[in-house]
Amino acid sequence: MRRRLAQWKRQYISKGGRITLIKSTLASIPIYLLSLIRIPKAVAKRIERIQRDFLWGGGCLEGKAHLINWKVVCSPKEEGGLGIRKIDLLNKALLGKWVWRYAYEKDNLWKTVIGVKYGQEGCGWKTKEVCGPFGVGLWKDIMKEVDWCWENIDFKVGKGNRVLFWTDKWCGNEALAQSYPQLFTLAGHKNAKICEVWDSSMGQGGWNLRLARDLNDWEMEQIGDMLNLLKDFRTSLEEDSVRWKWEGNGVYGAKGAYKILSGSSAEVFPYRRIWMDKVPTKVSFFAWEASWGKILTLDKLQRRGWQLPNRCFLCGYEEESANHILLHCTVTKTIWEITLAIFGVQWVFPESVIEVLLSWRGSFVGKKRKKIWNSIPVCIFWTVWKERNRLAFRGGSLDIQKFKNSFVCNLWSWVRVYNGEETYSLLGFLEWLGTT
């Protein structure tokens, strides 16, 4: 991993390219070992440190600011991250697949060997707990994932000869022993299988619970609720099987298991306005940083200890911040006004960059121009930031007309290169934008 993500490579690729390289190395180099062996915590932290330093910079060569928390970076794009997977959670999801395979697959050789060596528990869906002192490390680590895996597995009843009526989850989200604990205490056979409780001699078949005593009046309501729950279930000639709850086909998937382990955030993030197929990845990455308000403007540099006067490089009057320079600066507003005028739109700007992206809608511009409309905010952000950096690092004065032309030419090149529109002249491009 360190050789593939060598620090010198950062000098030659953009941050968008760095994301691609990080994901490709994670998906190819350690994935086989992660699917078999529990990775030590120290190794996982070391690999993540290599990834962080490669993405943001840092290490022994130079010190670069890590602008956004790594936990946010490793969250899905829908929740405001970059979709880079955390090593330890990916490891758990891949190991959990062996727990699923042991329950799902029928008579494979590896399953037979494991079952004979460690013994089976219950009706043979999983092995007994591995507690020997020697030679059991591999399956012992895999069995540590049993609890969370079986919380997301339930049974599909067929013949009912391998599913326990009271203690297995086969009807509803929990076992009948948990839903009706008082009735479970009255059960004559607490480890009865479904086929033993199902009585096919009762007309079309029915449930014979075989309780240890007659029911009291206050227990009749519970038995009625349980029989009402069971009325749609019956045995069949198929074999009993397991089903993964969170997949439509009922089969375990490492991607879905990773989502369960990582959890989900309720935060709304405009990822569709940032990560677009037709926009260069480095531009989308900058827009992602700006939406979090983490670009290195002068106010952020002052917080990091830099002694710098805070004046906007474009207007020269107000203090520079991400929201000011990308939205509210008088110079930047000219670009927004030109864009909105071309499309014939009037709009009151929100306070922050993320609010702009969340409220940017394009249904009124027509289907033909919608792709261009969606990419306009990101293009403006990129054009403004490039001009700001030119003034900050190279000096000189701002030419408003050249600044406007730079934005229009950037958008024009995106249309030609990424959207495939046959617009060969700048004038024709402007006329095309202005038509419905």
Protein backbone atom coordinates (compact mmCIF):
# COMPACT_ATOMS: atom_id res chain seq x y z
CA MET A 1 0.00 0.00 0.00
CA ARG A 2 2.81 2.39 0.85
CA ARG A 3 4.59 1.70 -2.43
CA ARG A 4 1.42 2.21 -4.48
CA LEU A 5 0.47 5.36 -2.56
CA ALA A 6 3.97 6.82 -2.50
CA GLN A 7 4.13 10.45 -1.47
CA TRP A 8 5.97 11.61 -4.61
CA LYS A 9 2.96 10.60 -6.74
CA ARG A 10 0.86 13.35 -5.13
CA GLN A 11 2.80 15.96 -7.09
CA TYR A 12 1.56 14.66 -10.44
CA ILE A 13 -2.13 13.93 -9.90
CA SER A 14 -5.04 16.02 -8.65
CA LYS A 15 -7.05 15.24 -5.54
CA GLY A 16 -9.70 13.66 -7.74
CA GLY A 17 -7.07 11.28 -9.11
CA ARG A 18 -5.84 10.56 -5.60
CA ILE A 19 -9.33 9.38 -4.60
CA THR A 20 -9.41 6.99 -7.57
CA LEU A 21 -5.96 5.59 -6.73
CA ILE A 22 -6.83 5.12 -3.04
CA LYS A 23 -10.00 3.22 -3.91
CA SER A 24 -8.27 1.05 -6.52
CA THR A 25 -5.46 0.03 -4.16
CA LEU A 26 -7.90 -0.71 -1.36
CA ALA A 27 -10.02 -2.84 -3.70
CA SER A 28 -7.10 -4.86 -5.07
CA ILE A 29 -4.19 -5.22 -2.64
CA PRO A 30 -5.60 -6.20 0.81
CA ILE A 31 -9.09 -7.40 -0.16
CA TYR A 32 -8.23 -11.13 -0.22
CA LEU A 33 -6.61 -11.13 3.22
CA LEU A 34 -9.41 -8.96 4.63
CA SER A 35 -11.91 -11.62 3.56
CA LEU A 36 -10.15 -14.32 5.58
CA ILE A 37 -8.17 -12.84 8.46
CA ARG A 38 -9.07 -10.26 11.11
CA ILE A 39 -6.73 -7.35 10.52
CA PRO A 40 -4.87 -6.06 13.62
CA LYS A 41 -5.98 -2.60 14.73
CA ALA A 42 -2.45 -1.22 14.44
CA VAL A 43 -2.23 -2.36 10.80
CA ALA A 44 -5.63 -0.82 9.97
CA LYS A 45 -4.59 2.49 11.50
CA ARG A 46 -1.31 2.41 9.58
CA ILE A 47 -3.04 1.82 6.26
CA GLU A 48 -5.55 4.61 6.94
CA ARG A 49 -2.70 6.95 7.81
CA ILE A 50 -1.05 6.18 4.47
CA GLN A 51 -4.35 6.95 2.74
CA ARG A 52 -4.86 10.21 4.65
CA ASP A 53 -1.34 11.46 3.94
CA PHE A 54 -1.68 10.57 0.28
CA LEU A 55 -5.01 12.38 -0.08
CA TRP A 56 -4.23 15.56 1.84
CA GLY A 57 -0.45 15.65 1.93
CA GLY A 58 1.82 15.30 4.91
CA GLY A 59 4.24 12.71 6.11
CA CYS A 60 7.98 13.23 6.31
CA LEU A 61 8.26 15.44 3.20
CA GLU A 62 5.87 18.25 4.03
CA GLY A 63 3.11 19.25 6.40
CA LYS A 64 -0.28 19.79 4.79
CA ALA A 65 -3.59 20.52 6.47
CA HIS A 66 -6.08 17.64 6.58
CA LEU A 67 -9.12 19.78 5.89
CA ILE A 68 -11.96 17.36 6.63
CA ASN A 69 -12.24 14.70 9.32
CA TRP A 70 -11.38 11.19 8.11
CA LYS A 71 -14.65 9.83 9.49
CA VAL A 72 -16.52 12.19 7.15
CA VAL A 73 -14.25 11.25 4.25
CA CYS A 74 -15.07 7.56 4.77
CA SER A 75 -18.84 8.12 4.77
CA PRO A 76 -20.86 7.54 1.56
CA LYS A 77 -21.17 10.34 -0.99
CA GLU A 78 -24.88 10.56 -0.24
CA GLU A 79 -23.99 11.56 3.33
CA GLY A 80 -21.27 14.06 2.43
CA GLY A 81 -18.19 11.84 2.21
CA LEU A 82 -15.96 10.48 -0.53
CA GLY A 83 -17.03 6.84 -0.30
CA ILE A 84 -13.62 5.55 0.85
CA ARG A 85 -14.24 2.49 3.00
CA LYS A 86 -12.86 2.12 6.50
CA ILE A 87 -10.54 -0.86 6.76
CA ASP A 88 -11.89 -2.35 9.99
CA LEU A 89 -15.56 -2.19 8.94
CA LEU A 90 -14.78 -3.63 5.51
CA ASN A 91 -12.92 -6.45 7.26
CA LYS A 92 -15.96 -7.23 9.45
CA ALA A 93 -18.31 -7.20 6.45
CA LEU A 94 -16.11 -9.62 4.50
CA LEU A 95 -15.64 -11.98 7.46
CA GLY A 96 -19.38 -11.94 8.09
CA LYS A 97 -19.93 -13.46 4.68
CA TRP A 98 -18.42 -16.75 5.93
CA VAL A 99 -21.04 -16.87 8.70
CA TRP A 100 -23.70 -16.39 6.05
CA ARG A 101 -22.17 -18.98 3.70
CA TYR A 102 -22.06 -21.60 6.46
CA ALA A 103 -25.79 -21.16 7.02
CA TYR A 104 -26.74 -20.69 3.34
CA GLU A 105 -24.70 -23.26 1.45
CA LYS A 106 -25.67 -26.93 1.52
CA ASP A 107 -23.04 -29.68 1.45
CA ASN A 108 -19.76 -28.01 0.50
CA LEU A 109 -16.53 -29.71 1.55
CA TRP A 110 -15.22 -26.75 3.58
CA LYS A 111 -18.51 -26.56 5.51
CA THR A 112 -18.40 -30.29 6.29
CA VAL A 113 -14.82 -30.03 7.58
CA ILE A 114 -15.61 -27.03 9.79
CA GLY A 115 -18.76 -28.69 11.14
CA VAL A 116 -16.94 -31.91 12.03
CA LYS A 117 -14.03 -30.10 13.65
CA TYR A 118 -15.93 -27.65 15.83
CA GLY A 119 -19.38 -29.21 16.08
CA GLN A 120 -22.73 -27.73 15.11
CA GLU A 121 -25.18 -25.73 17.18
CA GLY A 122 -28.96 -25.93 17.03
CA CYS A 123 -30.17 -27.32 13.73
CA GLY A 124 -26.82 -26.96 11.98
CA TRP A 125 -27.01 -23.34 10.89
CA LYS A 126 -23.79 -22.38 12.73
CA THR A 127 -20.93 -24.01 14.59
CA LYS A 128 -20.36 -24.10 18.30
CA GLU A 129 -18.31 -21.38 19.93
CA VAL A 130 -14.62 -21.88 19.23
CA CYS A 131 -12.72 -21.84 22.53
CA GLY A 132 -9.72 -24.11 22.03
CA PRO A 133 -6.24 -22.74 22.83
CA PHE A 134 -4.39 -23.88 19.69
CA GLY A 135 -4.96 -24.01 15.94
CA VAL A 136 -8.37 -22.33 15.82
CA GLY A 137 -7.51 -18.67 15.17
CA LEU A 138 -9.00 -18.41 11.66
CA TRP A 139 -12.52 -19.69 12.35
CA LYS A 140 -12.46 -18.23 15.87
CA ASP A 141 -12.08 -14.73 14.44
CA ILE A 142 -14.81 -15.38 11.89
CA MET A 143 -17.19 -16.55 14.63
CA LYS A 144 -16.78 -13.17 16.38
CA GLU A 145 -19.08 -11.77 13.68
CA VAL A 146 -21.91 -14.19 14.47
CA ASP A 147 -23.96 -11.85 16.67
CA TRP A 148 -24.45 -8.94 14.28
CA CYS A 149 -24.84 -11.25 11.29
CA TRP A 150 -27.65 -13.28 12.85
CA GLU A 151 -29.42 -10.10 13.92
CA ASN A 152 -29.90 -9.45 10.20
CA ILE A 153 -30.77 -13.01 9.15
CA ASP A 154 -34.15 -14.68 9.39
CA PHE A 155 -35.54 -18.01 8.24
CA LYS A 156 -37.65 -18.94 5.26
CA VAL A 157 -39.72 -21.91 6.40
CA GLY A 158 -40.23 -24.89 4.14
CA LYS A 159 -40.60 -28.32 5.75
CA GLY A 160 -39.91 -26.80 9.14
CA ASN A 161 -37.56 -29.59 10.25
CA ARG A 162 -34.55 -27.28 10.77
CA VAL A 163 -36.19 -24.23 12.36
CA LEU A 164 -37.09 -23.98 16.04
CA PHE A 165 -40.64 -22.76 16.61
CA TRP A 166 -40.04 -20.64 19.73
CA THR A 167 -36.43 -19.45 19.61
CA ASP A 168 -35.67 -18.83 15.90
CA LYS A 169 -36.69 -15.69 13.99
CA TRP A 170 -39.02 -16.93 11.28
CA CYS A 171 -42.17 -14.79 11.62
CA GLY A 172 -41.65 -11.11 12.33
CA ASN A 173 -38.57 -9.25 13.52
CA GLU A 174 -37.98 -11.29 16.66
CA ALA A 175 -38.45 -14.82 17.96
CA LEU A 176 -41.81 -15.88 19.41
CA ALA A 177 -40.11 -16.48 22.77
CA GLN A 178 -39.25 -12.78 22.88
CA SER A 179 -42.60 -11.56 21.61
CA TYR A 180 -44.67 -13.80 23.92
CA PRO A 181 -42.48 -14.65 26.94
CA GLN A 182 -45.43 -15.77 29.13
CA LEU A 183 -46.60 -18.28 26.54
CA PHE A 184 -43.04 -19.50 26.10
CA THR A 185 -42.86 -20.39 29.81
CA LEU A 186 -45.99 -22.55 29.31
CA ALA A 187 -44.59 -24.42 26.30
CA GLY A 188 -44.31 -28.15 26.90
CA HIS A 189 -41.39 -28.50 24.49
CA LYS A 190 -39.36 -25.28 24.30
CA ASN A 191 -36.99 -26.60 21.62
CA ALA A 192 -39.74 -27.89 19.35
CA LYS A 193 -39.27 -27.56 15.62
CA ILE A 194 -41.91 -26.02 13.41
CA CYS A 195 -42.79 -29.37 11.83
CA GLU A 196 -43.52 -30.73 15.33
CA VAL A 197 -45.91 -27.89 16.16
CA TRP A 198 -47.66 -27.95 12.79
CA ASP A 199 -50.52 -30.46 12.80
CA SER A 200 -51.49 -31.49 9.25
CA SER A 201 -54.41 -33.62 10.50
CA MET A 202 -56.44 -30.51 11.43
CA GLY A 203 -58.37 -29.99 8.19
CA GLN A 204 -56.02 -27.92 6.01
CA GLY A 205 -53.47 -27.91 8.81
CA GLY A 206 -53.07 -25.83 11.95
CA TRP A 207 -50.87 -25.02 14.93
CA ASN A 208 -50.93 -27.31 17.96
CA LEU A 209 -48.92 -25.47 20.62
CA ARG A 210 -49.04 -28.27 23.23
CA LEU A 211 -48.90 -26.01 26.28
CA ALA A 212 -48.12 -27.45 29.72
CA ARG A 213 -51.45 -26.35 31.24
CA ASP A 214 -54.76 -24.77 30.32
CA LEU A 215 -54.79 -21.03 29.72
CA ASN A 216 -56.17 -18.52 32.17
CA ASP A 217 -58.65 -15.88 31.04
CA TRP A 218 -56.01 -13.10 30.98
CA GLU A 219 -53.78 -15.26 28.75
CA MET A 220 -56.41 -15.83 26.06
CA GLU A 221 -55.72 -12.47 24.41
CA GLN A 222 -52.03 -13.30 23.98
CA ILE A 223 -52.72 -16.68 22.42
CA GLY A 224 -55.22 -15.03 20.08
CA ASP A 225 -52.63 -12.45 18.98
CA MET A 226 -50.03 -15.13 18.34
CA LEU A 227 -52.40 -17.36 16.34
CA ASN A 228 -53.43 -14.32 14.33
CA LEU A 229 -49.75 -13.72 13.55
CA LEU A 230 -49.25 -17.36 12.52
CA LYS A 231 -52.33 -17.68 10.34
CA ASP A 232 -50.45 -16.80 7.13
CA PHE A 233 -47.62 -19.28 7.78
CA ARG A 234 -47.66 -22.95 6.95
CA THR A 235 -45.16 -25.66 6.05
CA SER A 236 -44.38 -26.75 2.50
CA LEU A 237 -42.32 -29.36 0.66
CA GLU A 238 -39.32 -27.03 0.20
CA GLU A 239 -36.20 -27.13 2.34
CA ASP A 240 -35.76 -24.57 5.12
CA SER A 241 -33.36 -21.76 4.25
CA VAL A 242 -31.99 -18.47 5.54
CA ARG A 243 -32.63 -15.00 4.13
CA TRP A 244 -30.62 -11.79 4.46
CA LYS A 245 -33.04 -9.06 5.47
CA TRP A 246 -31.52 -6.06 3.69
CA GLU A 247 -31.20 -7.39 0.14
CA GLY A 248 -34.07 -7.75 -2.30
CA ASN A 249 -32.96 -11.25 -3.35
CA GLY A 250 -32.33 -12.30 0.25
CA VAL A 251 -28.63 -13.07 -0.34
CA TYR A 252 -25.80 -11.60 1.72
CA GLY A 253 -23.86 -8.78 0.07
CA ALA A 254 -20.66 -7.26 1.48
CA LYS A 255 -21.69 -3.80 0.26
CA GLY A 256 -25.00 -3.91 2.11
CA ALA A 257 -23.37 -5.38 5.21
CA TYR A 258 -20.85 -2.54 5.22
CA LYS A 259 -23.70 -0.02 5.19
CA ILE A 260 -25.28 -1.74 8.18
CA LEU A 261 -22.00 -1.65 10.13
CA SER A 262 -21.18 1.95 9.26
CA GLY A 263 -24.68 3.22 10.08
CA SER A 264 -26.40 6.07 8.26
CA SER A 265 -26.55 9.78 8.84
CA ALA A 266 -29.72 11.85 8.57
CA GLU A 267 -27.81 14.87 7.27
CA VAL A 268 -28.92 16.11 3.85
CA PHE A 269 -26.07 16.68 1.41
CA PRO A 270 -26.24 17.91 -2.24
CA TYR A 271 -24.08 15.14 -3.67
CA ARG A 272 -25.96 15.09 -6.99
CA ARG A 273 -24.94 18.73 -7.58
CA ILE A 274 -21.29 17.94 -6.86
CA TRP A 275 -20.44 14.48 -8.18
CA MET A 276 -21.65 14.67 -11.78
CA ASP A 277 -20.40 12.45 -14.57
CA LYS A 278 -19.71 15.34 -16.91
CA VAL A 279 -17.69 17.44 -14.44
CA PRO A 280 -13.92 16.85 -13.92
CA THR A 281 -13.26 15.05 -10.65
CA LYS A 282 -10.83 17.68 -9.37
CA VAL A 283 -13.53 20.34 -9.79
CA SER A 284 -16.09 18.20 -7.97
CA PHE A 285 -13.58 17.64 -5.17
CA PHE A 286 -13.13 21.38 -4.72
CA ALA A 287 -16.90 21.90 -4.67
CA TRP A 288 -17.14 19.16 -2.03
CA GLU A 289 -14.57 20.98 0.13
CA ALA A 290 -16.39 24.28 -0.37
CA SER A 291 -19.75 22.79 0.59
CA TRP A 292 -18.23 21.83 3.95
CA GLY A 293 -16.73 25.33 4.21
CA LYS A 294 -13.20 23.91 4.50
CA ILE A 295 -11.29 25.56 1.65
CA LEU A 296 -8.19 27.45 2.76
CA THR A 297 -9.44 31.02 2.63
CA LEU A 298 -7.73 33.71 4.70
CA ASP A 299 -10.07 33.35 7.67
CA LYS A 300 -9.25 29.62 7.87
CA LEU A 301 -5.50 30.33 7.60
CA GLN A 302 -5.73 32.83 10.46
CA ARG A 303 -7.38 30.19 12.64
CA ARG A 304 -4.45 27.89 11.88
CA GLY A 305 -1.98 30.46 13.18
CA TRP A 306 -0.98 32.32 10.01
CA GLN A 307 -0.41 36.05 10.56
CA LEU A 308 -2.08 37.44 7.44
CA PRO A 309 -4.30 40.47 6.79
CA ASN A 310 -7.76 39.28 5.86
CA ARG A 311 -8.96 41.08 2.76
CA CYS A 312 -10.74 39.51 -0.19
CA PHE A 313 -8.37 39.22 -3.17
CA LEU A 314 -11.18 39.99 -5.62
CA CYS A 315 -13.07 42.95 -4.17
CA GLY A 316 -10.43 44.14 -1.67
CA TYR A 317 -12.99 45.42 0.84
CA GLU A 318 -14.50 42.67 2.96
CA GLU A 319 -12.93 39.76 4.84
CA GLU A 320 -12.40 36.61 2.83
CA SER A 321 -14.37 33.46 3.68
CA ALA A 322 -15.65 30.57 1.61
CA ASN A 323 -19.21 31.92 1.44
CA HIS A 324 -18.03 35.45 0.68
CA ILE A 325 -15.60 34.75 -2.14
CA LEU A 326 -17.77 32.11 -3.87
CA LEU A 327 -21.16 33.81 -3.46
CA HIS A 328 -21.37 37.30 -1.98
CA CYS A 329 -18.26 39.08 -3.29
CA THR A 330 -19.24 41.98 -5.61
CA VAL A 331 -16.90 40.65 -8.32
CA THR A 332 -18.24 37.10 -8.06
CA LYS A 333 -21.81 38.38 -8.21
CA THR A 334 -21.16 39.66 -11.74
CA ILE A 335 -20.57 36.07 -12.88
CA TRP A 336 -23.76 34.87 -11.20
CA GLU A 337 -25.73 37.76 -12.72
CA ILE A 338 -24.45 36.96 -16.21
CA THR A 339 -25.40 33.29 -15.83
CA LEU A 340 -28.87 33.96 -14.48
CA ALA A 341 -29.47 36.59 -17.19
CA ILE A 342 -28.58 34.10 -19.95
CA PHE A 343 -31.18 31.69 -18.62
CA GLY A 344 -33.68 34.43 -17.76
CA VAL A 345 -33.78 33.59 -14.06
CA GLN A 346 -34.01 35.82 -10.99
CA TRP A 347 -32.79 34.37 -7.72
CA VAL A 348 -32.06 35.48 -4.16
CA PHE A 349 -28.84 33.86 -2.94
CA PRO A 350 -28.81 31.79 0.28
CA GLU A 351 -26.18 32.40 2.93
CA SER A 352 -23.87 29.41 2.41
CA VAL A 353 -22.43 27.33 -0.41
CA ILE A 354 -24.19 24.14 0.69
CA GLU A 355 -27.56 25.94 0.74
CA VAL A 356 -26.96 27.14 -2.82
CA LEU A 357 -26.29 23.59 -4.01
CA LEU A 358 -29.29 22.20 -2.13
CA SER A 359 -31.65 24.78 -3.62
CA TRP A 360 -30.28 24.69 -7.19
CA ARG A 361 -33.10 23.31 -9.30
CA GLY A 362 -33.25 23.12 -13.07
CA SER A 363 -36.65 21.81 -14.12
CA PHE A 364 -37.65 25.18 -15.62
CA VAL A 365 -34.68 25.45 -18.03
CA GLY A 366 -35.76 22.55 -20.21
CA LYS A 367 -34.40 19.05 -20.62
CA LYS A 368 -31.85 20.05 -23.25
CA ARG A 369 -30.07 22.60 -21.06
CA LYS A 370 -30.52 20.89 -17.69
CA LYS A 371 -27.06 19.25 -17.62
CA ILE A 372 -25.41 22.60 -18.26
CA TRP A 373 -27.57 24.30 -15.64
CA ASN A 374 -26.66 21.72 -12.99
CA SER A 375 -22.92 22.14 -13.60
CA ILE A 376 -22.97 25.97 -13.48
CA PRO A 377 -22.44 26.42 -9.69
CA VAL A 378 -19.45 24.08 -9.67
CA CYS A 379 -17.99 25.83 -12.71
CA ILE A 380 -18.37 29.26 -11.08
CA PHE A 381 -16.74 28.02 -7.87
CA TRP A 382 -13.78 26.66 -9.81
CA THR A 383 -13.35 29.77 -11.99
CA VAL A 384 -13.49 32.12 -8.99
CA TRP A 385 -11.02 30.04 -6.98
CA LYS A 386 -8.52 29.81 -9.85
CA GLU A 387 -8.62 33.59 -10.30
CA ARG A 388 -8.30 34.14 -6.55
CA ASN A 389 -5.21 31.90 -6.41
CA ARG A 390 -3.67 33.67 -9.40
CA LEU A 391 -3.97 37.02 -7.60
CA ALA A 392 -2.76 35.54 -4.29
CA PHE A 393 0.35 33.76 -5.58
CA ARG A 394 1.30 35.60 -8.78
CA GLY A 395 0.09 39.09 -8.02
CA GLY A 396 -1.17 41.54 -10.62
CA SER A 397 -4.53 43.22 -10.96
CA LEU A 398 -7.99 41.89 -11.65
CA ASP A 399 -9.37 42.36 -15.16
CA ILE A 400 -13.14 42.00 -14.83
CA GLN A 401 -13.69 41.40 -18.54
CA LYS A 402 -11.08 38.63 -18.70
CA PHE A 403 -12.58 37.14 -15.54
CA LYS A 404 -16.02 36.96 -17.17
CA ASN A 405 -14.58 35.53 -20.37
CA SER A 406 -12.70 32.90 -18.38
CA PHE A 407 -15.93 31.59 -16.85
CA VAL A 408 -17.77 31.48 -20.17
CA CYS A 409 -14.86 29.72 -21.86
CA ASN A 410 -14.62 27.17 -19.03
CA LEU A 411 -18.31 26.35 -19.35
CA TRP A 412 -18.00 26.23 -23.13
CA SER A 413 -15.11 23.75 -22.94
CA TRP A 414 -17.07 21.54 -20.54
CA VAL A 415 -19.98 21.44 -22.95
CA ARG A 416 -17.77 20.43 -25.85
CA VAL A 417 -15.50 17.96 -24.07
CA TYR A 418 -17.75 16.36 -21.45
CA ASN A 419 -21.30 16.80 -22.73
CA GLY A 420 -20.63 16.08 -26.38
CA GLU A 421 -22.58 19.06 -27.73
CA GLU A 422 -21.60 20.10 -31.24
CA THR A 423 -21.06 23.75 -30.35
CA TYR A 424 -18.10 24.98 -32.39
CA SER A 425 -18.23 28.72 -31.75
CA LEU A 426 -18.48 30.71 -28.55
CA LEU A 427 -21.19 32.90 -30.03
CA GLY A 428 -23.21 29.86 -31.06
CA PHE A 429 -22.79 28.45 -27.56
CA LEU A 430 -24.24 31.62 -25.98
CA GLU A 431 -27.13 31.59 -28.43
CA TRP A 432 -27.74 27.91 -27.65
CA LEU A 433 -27.87 28.64 -23.91
CA GLY A 434 -30.37 31.43 -24.42
CA THR A 435 -32.83 29.23 -26.36
CA THR A 436 -35.40 26.95 -24.73
